[in-house]
C-alpha atoms as a PDB file:
ATOM      1  CA  MET A   1      -7.253 -13.535  -9.856  1.00  0.00           C
ATOM      2  CA  ARG A   2      -9.834 -14.745 -12.831  1.00  0.00           C
ATOM      3  CA  LEU A   3     -12.547 -11.934 -12.338  1.00  0.00           C
ATOM      4  CA  PHE A   4      -9.440  -9.069 -11.568  1.00  0.00           C
ATOM      5  CA  LEU A   5      -8.595 -10.178 -15.342  1.00  0.00           C
ATOM      6  CA  LEU A   6     -11.994 -10.160 -16.005  1.00  0.00           C
ATOM      7  CA  ASN A   7     -12.736  -7.623 -14.700  1.00  0.00           C
ATOM      8  CA  ILE A   8      -9.569  -5.766 -16.576  1.00  0.00           C
ATOM      9  CA  LEU A   9     -10.925  -7.215 -19.712  1.00  0.00           C
ATOM     10  CA  LEU A  10     -14.590  -6.049 -18.992  1.00  0.00           C
ATOM     11  CA  ALA A  11     -12.237  -2.241 -18.888  1.00  0.00           C
ATOM     12  CA  ILE A  12     -10.872  -2.162 -22.236  1.00  0.00           C
ATOM     13  CA  ALA A  13     -14.071  -3.340 -23.701  1.00  0.00           C
ATOM     14  CA  TRP A  14     -15.394   0.037 -21.637  1.00  0.00           C
ATOM     15  CA  THR A  15     -12.777   1.650 -23.621  1.00  0.00           C
ATOM     16  CA  ALA A  16     -12.392   0.040 -26.567  1.00  0.00           C
ATOM     17  CA  LEU A  17     -16.607   0.917 -27.379  1.00  0.00           C
ATOM     18  CA  THR A  18     -16.936   4.230 -26.070  1.00  0.00           C
ATOM     19  CA  ALA A  19     -13.617   4.587 -28.201  1.00  0.00           C
ATOM     20  CA  SER A  20     -12.304   7.191 -25.597  1.00  0.00           C
ATOM     21  CA  ALA A  21      -8.915   5.789 -24.695  1.00  0.00           C
ATOM     22  CA  THR A  22      -8.067   7.808 -21.430  1.00  0.00           C
ATOM     23  CA  LEU A  23      -7.189   7.503 -18.306  1.00  0.00           C
ATOM     24  CA  LEU A  24     -10.819   7.944 -16.758  1.00  0.00           C
ATOM     25  CA  ASN A  25     -12.879   6.555 -19.169  1.00  0.00           C
ATOM     26  CA  PHE A  26     -10.359   2.910 -18.338  1.00  0.00           C
ATOM     27  CA  VAL A  27     -11.328   3.861 -14.172  1.00  0.00           C
ATOM     28  CA  THR A  28     -14.954   3.927 -15.355  1.00  0.00           C
ATOM     29  CA  GLY A  29     -14.917   0.969 -17.681  1.00  0.00           C
ATOM     30  CA  PHE A  30     -13.208  -0.797 -14.790  1.00  0.00           C
ATOM     31  CA  LEU A  31     -15.818   0.794 -11.365  1.00  0.00           C
ATOM     32  CA  LEU A  32     -18.577  -0.186 -14.539  1.00  0.00           C
ATOM     33  CA  GLY A  33     -16.937  -3.942 -14.779  1.00  0.00           C
ATOM     34  CA  TYR A  34     -16.412  -4.602 -11.218  1.00  0.00           C
ATOM     35  CA  LEU A  35     -20.245  -3.615 -10.571  1.00  0.00           C
ATOM     36  CA  ALA A  36     -21.369  -5.804 -13.223  1.00  0.00           C
ATOM     37  CA  LEU A  37     -19.633  -8.360 -11.446  1.00  0.00           C
ATOM     38  CA  ALA A  38     -20.934  -8.099  -7.727  1.00  0.00           C
ATOM     39  CA  ILE A  39     -23.879  -8.256  -8.775  1.00  0.00           C
ATOM     40  CA  SER A  40     -23.445 -11.100 -11.341  1.00  0.00           C
ATOM     41  CA  HIS A  41     -21.718 -13.029  -8.432  1.00  0.00           C
ATOM     42  CA  ARG A  42     -23.902 -12.221  -5.287  1.00  0.00           C
ATOM     43  CA  TYR A  43     -23.916 -15.951  -4.283  1.00  0.00           C
ATOM     44  CA  GLY A  44     -20.944 -16.930  -5.721  1.00  0.00           C
ATOM     45  CA  ARG A  45     -17.514 -18.717  -4.044  1.00  0.00           C
ATOM     46  CA  ASP A  46     -15.890 -15.923  -5.449  1.00  0.00           C
ATOM     47  CA  ARG A  47     -16.561 -13.358  -2.913  1.00  0.00           C
ATOM     48  CA  GLU A  48     -12.778 -12.920  -1.735  1.00  0.00           C
ATOM     49  CA  TYR A  49     -11.809 -10.619  -5.370  1.00  0.00           C
ATOM     50  CA  PHE A  50     -14.490  -8.216  -3.936  1.00  0.00           C
ATOM     51  CA  ARG A  51     -13.466  -7.748   0.025  1.00  0.00           C
ATOM     52  CA  ARG A  52      -9.676  -7.941  -1.252  1.00  0.00           C
ATOM     53  CA  LEU A  53     -10.110  -4.902  -4.087  1.00  0.00           C
ATOM     54  CA  PRO A  54     -11.259  -2.275  -1.649  1.00  0.00           C
ATOM     55  CA  ARG A  55      -8.403  -3.668   0.838  1.00  0.00           C
ATOM     56  CA  ALA A  56      -5.625  -2.953  -2.105  1.00  0.00           C
ATOM     57  CA  LEU A  57      -7.086   0.149  -3.421  1.00  0.00           C
ATOM     58  CA  GLY A  58      -6.872   1.180   1.263  1.00  0.00           C
ATOM     59  CA  LEU A  59      -3.458   0.617   0.597  1.00  0.00           C
ATOM     60  CA  ALA A  60      -2.243   2.432  -2.501  1.00  0.00           C
ATOM     61  CA  ALA A  61      -3.991   5.709  -0.961  1.00  0.00           C
ATOM     62  CA  LEU A  62      -2.115   4.968   2.345  1.00  0.00           C
ATOM     63  CA  PHE A  63       0.964   4.731   0.436  1.00  0.00           C
ATOM     64  CA  LEU A  64       0.624   7.384  -2.162  1.00  0.00           C
ATOM     65  CA  ARG A  65      -0.210  10.001   1.006  1.00  0.00           C
ATOM     66  CA  GLU A  66       2.783   8.510   2.523  1.00  0.00           C
ATOM     67  CA  LEU A  67       4.925   9.237  -0.052  1.00  0.00           C
ATOM     68  CA  LEU A  68       2.850  12.630  -0.825  1.00  0.00           C
ATOM     69  CA  VAL A  69       4.160  13.536   3.044  1.00  0.00           C
ATOM     70  CA  SER A  70       7.526  12.343   2.832  1.00  0.00           C
ATOM     71  CA  SER A  71       8.110  13.775   0.187  1.00  0.00           C
ATOM     72  CA  LEU A  72       7.624  17.412   0.647  1.00  0.00           C
ATOM     73  CA  ARG A  73       9.166  16.475   4.375  1.00  0.00           C
ATOM     74  CA  THR A  74      12.708  15.475   2.822  1.00  0.00           C
ATOM     75  CA  VAL A  75      12.491  18.646   0.618  1.00  0.00           C
ATOM     76  CA  TYR A  76      11.704  20.838   3.627  1.00  0.00           C
ATOM     77  CA  GLU A  77      14.411  19.145   5.274  1.00  0.00           C
ATOM     78  CA  VAL A  78      17.185  19.725   2.843  1.00  0.00           C
ATOM     79  CA  LEU A  79      16.281  23.181   1.646  1.00  0.00           C
ATOM     80  CA  SER A  80      15.889  24.727   5.344  1.00  0.00           C
ATOM     81  CA  PRO A  81      19.275  25.432   6.831  1.00  0.00           C
ATOM     82  CA  PRO A  82      19.459  24.188  10.836  1.00  0.00           C
ATOM     83  CA  PRO A  83      18.456  20.235   9.537  1.00  0.00           C
ATOM     84  CA  ASN A  84      15.862  19.226  11.992  1.00  0.00           C
ATOM     85  CA  SER A  85      15.955  15.508  11.077  1.00  0.00           C
ATOM     86  CA  LYS A  86      16.202  13.088  13.787  1.00  0.00           C
ATOM     87  CA  PRO A  87      17.832  10.136  11.794  1.00  0.00           C
ATOM     88  CA  ARG A  88      17.488   6.695  13.997  1.00  0.00           C
ATOM     89  CA  ILE A  89      17.144   2.978  13.883  1.00  0.00           C
ATOM     90  CA  ILE A  90      13.875   1.260  15.355  1.00  0.00           C
ATOM     91  CA  ARG A  91      13.352  -1.964  15.982  1.00  0.00           C
ATOM     92  CA  VAL A  92       9.822  -2.515  14.843  1.00  0.00           C
ATOM     93  CA  PRO A  93       7.556  -6.176  16.368  1.00  0.00           C
ATOM     94  CA  LEU A  94       5.860  -7.615  13.397  1.00  0.00           C
ATOM     95  CA  GLU A  95       2.737  -8.859  14.228  1.00  0.00           C
ATOM     96  CA  ILE A  96       3.098 -11.085  10.455  1.00  0.00           C
ATOM     97  CA  ARG A  97       5.538 -13.581   9.264  1.00  0.00           C
ATOM     98  CA  ASP A  98       4.795 -14.969   5.459  1.00  0.00           C
ATOM     99  CA  ASN A  99       7.754 -14.151   3.610  1.00  0.00           C
ATOM    100  CA  ARG A 100       5.213 -12.196   1.634  1.00  0.00           C
ATOM    101  CA  GLN A 101       3.539  -9.865   3.385  1.00  0.00           C
ATOM    102  CA  ILE A 102       6.841  -9.046   4.614  1.00  0.00           C
ATOM    103  CA  LEU A 103       7.879  -8.351   1.680  1.00  0.00           C
ATOM    104  CA  THR A 104       5.459  -5.742   0.362  1.00  0.00           C
ATOM    105  CA  LEU A 105       6.056  -4.528   4.150  1.00  0.00           C
ATOM    106  CA  THR A 106       9.405  -3.389   2.763  1.00  0.00           C
ATOM    107  CA  TYR A 107       8.797  -2.900  -0.686  1.00  0.00           C
ATOM    108  CA  LEU A 108       6.503   0.278   0.930  1.00  0.00           C
ATOM    109  CA  LEU A 109       8.889   1.261   3.412  1.00  0.00           C
ATOM    110  CA  LEU A 110      11.903   1.131   1.248  1.00  0.00           C
ATOM    111  CA  LEU A 111      10.358   3.157  -1.725  1.00  0.00           C
ATOM    112  CA  THR A 112       9.189   5.837   1.252  1.00  0.00           C
ATOM    113  CA  PRO A 113      11.327   8.951   1.170  1.00  0.00           C
ATOM    114  CA  GLY A 114      13.347   8.873   4.477  1.00  0.00           C
ATOM    115  CA  THR A 115      13.244   4.883   5.546  1.00  0.00           C
ATOM    116  CA  LEU A 116      15.189   2.690   4.972  1.00  0.00           C
ATOM    117  CA  VAL A 117      14.251  -1.226   6.276  1.00  0.00           C
ATOM    118  CA  LEU A 118      17.396  -2.310   7.035  1.00  0.00           C
ATOM    119  CA  ASP A 119      16.795  -6.210   8.096  1.00  0.00           C
ATOM    120  CA  VAL A 120      14.487  -8.512   8.879  1.00  0.00           C
ATOM    121  CA  ALA A 121      14.976 -11.066  12.698  1.00  0.00           C
ATOM    122  CA  ARG A 122      15.793 -13.998  12.018  1.00  0.00           C
ATOM    123  CA  GLY A 123      12.616 -15.666  13.779  1.00  0.00           C
ATOM    124  CA  LYS A 124      10.618 -12.957  11.089  1.00  0.00           C
ATOM    125  CA  ASP A 125       9.392 -11.048  14.795  1.00  0.00           C
ATOM    126  CA  ALA A 126      10.683  -7.565  13.524  1.00  0.00           C
ATOM    127  CA  ILE A 127      12.406  -5.307  11.357  1.00  0.00           C
ATOM    128  CA  TYR A 128      14.714  -2.513  11.858  1.00  0.00           C
ATOM    129  CA  VAL A 129      14.308   0.333   9.862  1.00  0.00           C
ATOM    130  CA  HIS A 130      16.760   3.852   9.584  1.00  0.00           C
ATOM    131  CA  THR A 131      14.406   6.858   9.586  1.00  0.00           C
ATOM    132  CA  LEU A 132      14.973  10.565   9.011  1.00  0.00           C
ATOM    133  CA  PHE A 133      11.882  11.859  10.919  1.00  0.00           C
ATOM    134  CA  ALA A 134      11.130   9.909  13.677  1.00  0.00           C
ATOM    135  CA  GLN A 135      10.711  12.145  16.493  1.00  0.00           C
ATOM    136  CA  ASP A 136       9.158   9.430  19.302  1.00  0.00           C
ATOM    137  CA  ALA A 137      10.199   5.500  18.243  1.00  0.00           C
ATOM    138  CA  GLU A 138       7.048   4.407  20.476  1.00  0.00           C
ATOM    139  CA  ALA A 139       4.793   6.272  17.793  1.00  0.00           C
ATOM    140  CA  PHE A 140       6.905   5.374  14.936  1.00  0.00           C
ATOM    141  CA  ARG A 141       6.319   2.101  16.187  1.00  0.00           C
ATOM    142  CA  VAL A 142       2.527   2.094  16.961  1.00  0.00           C
ATOM    143  CA  GLU A 143       1.769   4.201  13.028  1.00  0.00           C
ATOM    144  CA  LEU A 144       3.893   1.480  11.719  1.00  0.00           C
ATOM    145  CA  GLN A 145       1.507  -0.996  12.946  1.00  0.00           C
ATOM    146  CA  ARG A 146      -1.969   0.655  12.425  1.00  0.00           C
ATOM    147  CA  GLY A 147      -0.690   1.927   8.854  1.00  0.00           C
ATOM    148  CA  PHE A 148       0.798   0.025   7.061  1.00  0.00           C
ATOM    149  CA  GLU A 149       1.370  -3.824   8.507  1.00  0.00           C
ATOM    150  CA  ARG A 150      -2.545  -3.827   9.539  1.00  0.00           C
ATOM    151  CA  ARG A 151      -3.967  -3.354   6.056  1.00  0.00           C
ATOM    152  CA  VAL A 152      -1.081  -5.347   4.457  1.00  0.00           C
ATOM    153  CA  ARG A 153      -1.993  -7.717   6.922  1.00  0.00           C
ATOM    154  CA  GLU A 154      -6.122  -7.159   6.023  1.00  0.00           C
ATOM    155  CA  VAL A 155      -4.753  -7.154   1.863  1.00  0.00           C
ATOM    156  CA  MET A 156      -2.764 -10.842   1.628  1.00  0.00           C
ATOM    157  CA  SER A 157      -4.691 -12.656   4.049  1.00  0.00           C
END
């Protein structure tokens, strides 16, 4: 966390030094700060930051892709005359057991149109998801486990 805050400060300093307060310039400063920190901490103990940040960005990219695809799918479903949705409740077994990881996974699913997490099983070994577009329950489980659950586990463990 300390290196992340230092990276943010380096990006702010870059933005101030270049006198251009744009998002692109801030991202450029963040990437340059990340590179500078990676070079200067090559043999340090703080390697965890350099492992987690790319994985967190991968999770964010996966979420944004799923958000876009499911939003377009939901809009198409609403605007098309014959309903094509197959609403169902699916029990999805979980490999993660940490409360923070389960909470992050449920928030990601709640923010994705067409899915809603209804409950977490007592033993935290499964979640119950209401989905509008799952043609095959097993394919939905596998997609969720290989997608969001795996990425959340990689980022937060």
